[in-house]
Amino acid sequence: MSCLGDDLQRIYNYADVFHCESMEKAADDFIKRDSIVDGSYGNIAGCKYAVPDYWDIGEVFARLTEDCYKDIIGGLKEVYNSWLAESILNFNSDLYY
């Protein structure tokens, strides 16, 4: 989350424009723009059940922040940097569902 820096606010402000691009292209543009390095994000490899797609996962985080925070960007940062994000992204648990 911290890799995006100020771009998090930009993504939020211009979501109506960015949605016209494919998710993969938009993500790739921000990865290049912010020099985000490849990492090991292996939460899917050990998954025993069907893995939700990024739209479904994004909806969970969006609903959580919109329902609980007036400051959406501050809320996103707090949620993504908390134990809750790790638990939501553990698709073997029932928290996501």
C-alpha atoms as a PDB file:
ATOM      1  CA  MET A   1       0.000   0.000   0.000  1.00  0.00           C
ATOM      2  CA  SER A   2       2.762   2.455   0.862  1.00  0.00           C
ATOM      3  CA  CYS A   3       4.388   1.852  -2.538  1.00  0.00           C
ATOM      4  CA  LEU A   4       1.657   3.925  -4.179  1.00  0.00           C
ATOM      5  CA  GLY A   5       2.352   6.995  -2.068  1.00  0.00           C
ATOM      6  CA  ASP A   6       0.411   9.981  -3.389  1.00  0.00           C
ATOM      7  CA  ASP A   7      -0.938   7.915  -6.282  1.00  0.00           C
ATOM      8  CA  LEU A   8      -3.524   6.359  -3.971  1.00  0.00           C
ATOM      9  CA  GLN A   9      -5.335   9.708  -3.826  1.00  0.00           C
ATOM     10  CA  ARG A  10      -4.944  10.076  -7.606  1.00  0.00           C
ATOM     11  CA  ILE A  11      -6.445   6.627  -8.218  1.00  0.00           C
ATOM     12  CA  TYR A  12      -9.387   7.487  -5.979  1.00  0.00           C
ATOM     13  CA  ASN A  13      -9.952  10.918  -7.555  1.00  0.00           C
ATOM     14  CA  TYR A  14      -9.816   9.621 -11.120  1.00  0.00           C
ATOM     15  CA  ALA A  15     -11.403   6.191 -10.697  1.00  0.00           C
ATOM     16  CA  ASP A  16     -14.080   7.147 -13.221  1.00  0.00           C
ATOM     17  CA  VAL A  17     -11.317   7.651 -15.820  1.00  0.00           C
ATOM     18  CA  PHE A  18      -9.104   4.692 -14.875  1.00  0.00           C
ATOM     19  CA  HIS A  19     -11.997   2.249 -15.097  1.00  0.00           C
ATOM     20  CA  CYS A  20     -11.964   2.752 -18.873  1.00  0.00           C
ATOM     21  CA  GLU A  21      -8.625   0.920 -19.013  1.00  0.00           C
ATOM     22  CA  SER A  22      -8.262  -2.775 -18.330  1.00  0.00           C
ATOM     23  CA  MET A  23      -7.363  -3.549 -14.723  1.00  0.00           C
ATOM     24  CA  GLU A  24      -4.105  -5.149 -15.883  1.00  0.00           C
ATOM     25  CA  LYS A  25      -3.015  -2.090 -17.900  1.00  0.00           C
ATOM     26  CA  ALA A  26      -3.911   0.386 -15.152  1.00  0.00           C
ATOM     27  CA  ALA A  27      -2.055  -1.724 -12.579  1.00  0.00           C
ATOM     28  CA  ASP A  28       0.965  -2.074 -14.867  1.00  0.00           C
ATOM     29  CA  ASP A  29       1.072   1.709 -15.407  1.00  0.00           C
ATOM     30  CA  PHE A  30       1.164   2.355 -11.647  1.00  0.00           C
ATOM     31  CA  ILE A  31       3.702  -0.418 -11.080  1.00  0.00           C
ATOM     32  CA  LYS A  32       6.026   1.256 -13.591  1.00  0.00           C
ATOM     33  CA  ARG A  33       5.241   4.808 -12.434  1.00  0.00           C
ATOM     34  CA  ASP A  34       5.973   4.029  -8.788  1.00  0.00           C
ATOM     35  CA  SER A  35       8.818   1.556  -9.449  1.00  0.00           C
ATOM     36  CA  ILE A  36       7.080  -1.208  -7.513  1.00  0.00           C
ATOM     37  CA  VAL A  37       9.325  -4.258  -7.507  1.00  0.00           C
ATOM     38  CA  ASP A  38       8.201  -7.812  -8.075  1.00  0.00           C
ATOM     39  CA  GLY A  39       7.479  -9.660  -4.884  1.00  0.00           C
ATOM     40  CA  SER A  40       6.149 -12.923  -3.622  1.00  0.00           C
ATOM     41  CA  TYR A  41       2.439 -12.622  -2.990  1.00  0.00           C
ATOM     42  CA  GLY A  42       1.676 -16.299  -2.457  1.00  0.00           C
ATOM     43  CA  ASN A  43      -1.697 -16.147  -0.757  1.00  0.00           C
ATOM     44  CA  ILE A  44      -3.249 -17.985  -3.709  1.00  0.00           C
ATOM     45  CA  ALA A  45      -0.828 -20.919  -3.928  1.00  0.00           C
ATOM     46  CA  GLY A  46      -1.961 -22.388  -0.602  1.00  0.00           C
ATOM     47  CA  CYS A  47      -5.658 -21.738  -1.157  1.00  0.00           C
ATOM     48  CA  LYS A  48      -7.894 -24.778  -0.687  1.00  0.00           C
ATOM     49  CA  TYR A  49     -11.026 -23.169  -2.106  1.00  0.00           C
ATOM     50  CA  ALA A  50     -12.087 -21.050  -5.067  1.00  0.00           C
ATOM     51  CA  VAL A  51     -10.123 -17.817  -5.195  1.00  0.00           C
ATOM     52  CA  PRO A  52     -12.212 -14.661  -5.595  1.00  0.00           C
ATOM     53  CA  ASP A  53     -11.198 -12.330  -8.404  1.00  0.00           C
ATOM     54  CA  TYR A  54      -9.766  -8.872  -7.817  1.00  0.00           C
ATOM     55  CA  TRP A  55     -13.165  -7.218  -8.333  1.00  0.00           C
ATOM     56  CA  ASP A  56     -14.688  -9.250  -5.500  1.00  0.00           C
ATOM     57  CA  ILE A  57     -11.748  -8.601  -3.201  1.00  0.00           C
ATOM     58  CA  GLY A  58     -11.786  -4.895  -4.049  1.00  0.00           C
ATOM     59  CA  GLU A  59     -15.489  -4.758  -3.250  1.00  0.00           C
ATOM     60  CA  VAL A  60     -14.848  -6.128   0.238  1.00  0.00           C
ATOM     61  CA  PHE A  61     -12.201  -3.482   0.932  1.00  0.00           C
ATOM     62  CA  ALA A  62     -14.303  -0.708  -0.651  1.00  0.00           C
ATOM     63  CA  ARG A  63     -17.386  -1.590   1.371  1.00  0.00           C
ATOM     64  CA  LEU A  64     -15.358  -1.789   4.564  1.00  0.00           C
ATOM     65  CA  THR A  65     -13.699   1.594   4.111  1.00  0.00           C
ATOM     66  CA  GLU A  66     -16.773   3.399   2.778  1.00  0.00           C
ATOM     67  CA  ASP A  67     -18.948   2.104   5.623  1.00  0.00           C
ATOM     68  CA  CYS A  68     -16.441   2.779   8.409  1.00  0.00           C
ATOM     69  CA  TYR A  69     -14.419   5.848   7.417  1.00  0.00           C
ATOM     70  CA  LYS A  70     -15.237   9.413   6.394  1.00  0.00           C
ATOM     71  CA  ASP A  71     -11.660   9.829   5.124  1.00  0.00           C
ATOM     72  CA  ILE A  72     -11.604   7.097   2.462  1.00  0.00           C
ATOM     73  CA  ILE A  73      -7.882   7.344   1.695  1.00  0.00           C
ATOM     74  CA  GLY A  74      -6.934   7.349   5.379  1.00  0.00           C
ATOM     75  CA  GLY A  75      -9.298   4.426   5.910  1.00  0.00           C
ATOM     76  CA  LEU A  76      -7.774   2.457   3.040  1.00  0.00           C
ATOM     77  CA  LYS A  77      -4.291   2.997   4.444  1.00  0.00           C
ATOM     78  CA  GLU A  78      -5.392   1.954   7.919  1.00  0.00           C
ATOM     79  CA  VAL A  79      -7.240  -1.156   6.736  1.00  0.00           C
ATOM     80  CA  TYR A  80      -4.532  -2.332   4.320  1.00  0.00           C
ATOM     81  CA  ASN A  81      -1.864  -1.911   6.983  1.00  0.00           C
ATOM     82  CA  SER A  82      -3.821  -3.748   9.686  1.00  0.00           C
ATOM     83  CA  TRP A  83      -4.255  -7.380  10.671  1.00  0.00           C
ATOM     84  CA  LEU A  84      -7.647  -7.223   8.987  1.00  0.00           C
ATOM     85  CA  ALA A  85      -6.215  -7.040   5.441  1.00  0.00           C
ATOM     86  CA  GLU A  86      -4.089 -10.114   6.030  1.00  0.00           C
ATOM     87  CA  SER A  87      -7.119 -11.975   7.374  1.00  0.00           C
ATOM     88  CA  ILE A  88      -9.344 -10.936   4.457  1.00  0.00           C
ATOM     89  CA  LEU A  89      -6.682 -12.041   1.987  1.00  0.00           C
ATOM     90  CA  ASN A  90      -6.405 -15.460   3.624  1.00  0.00           C
ATOM     91  CA  PHE A  91      -8.882 -17.226   1.372  1.00  0.00           C
ATOM     92  CA  ASN A  92      -8.741 -20.359   3.528  1.00  0.00           C
ATOM     93  CA  SER A  93     -10.480 -18.464   6.334  1.00  0.00           C
ATOM     94  CA  ASP A  94     -14.107 -17.497   6.491  1.00  0.00           C
ATOM     95  CA  LEU A  95     -13.438 -13.792   7.086  1.00  0.00           C
ATOM     96  CA  TYR A  96     -13.471 -12.935   3.362  1.00  0.00           C
ATOM     97  CA  TYR A  97     -16.806 -14.666   2.885  1.00  0.00           C
END
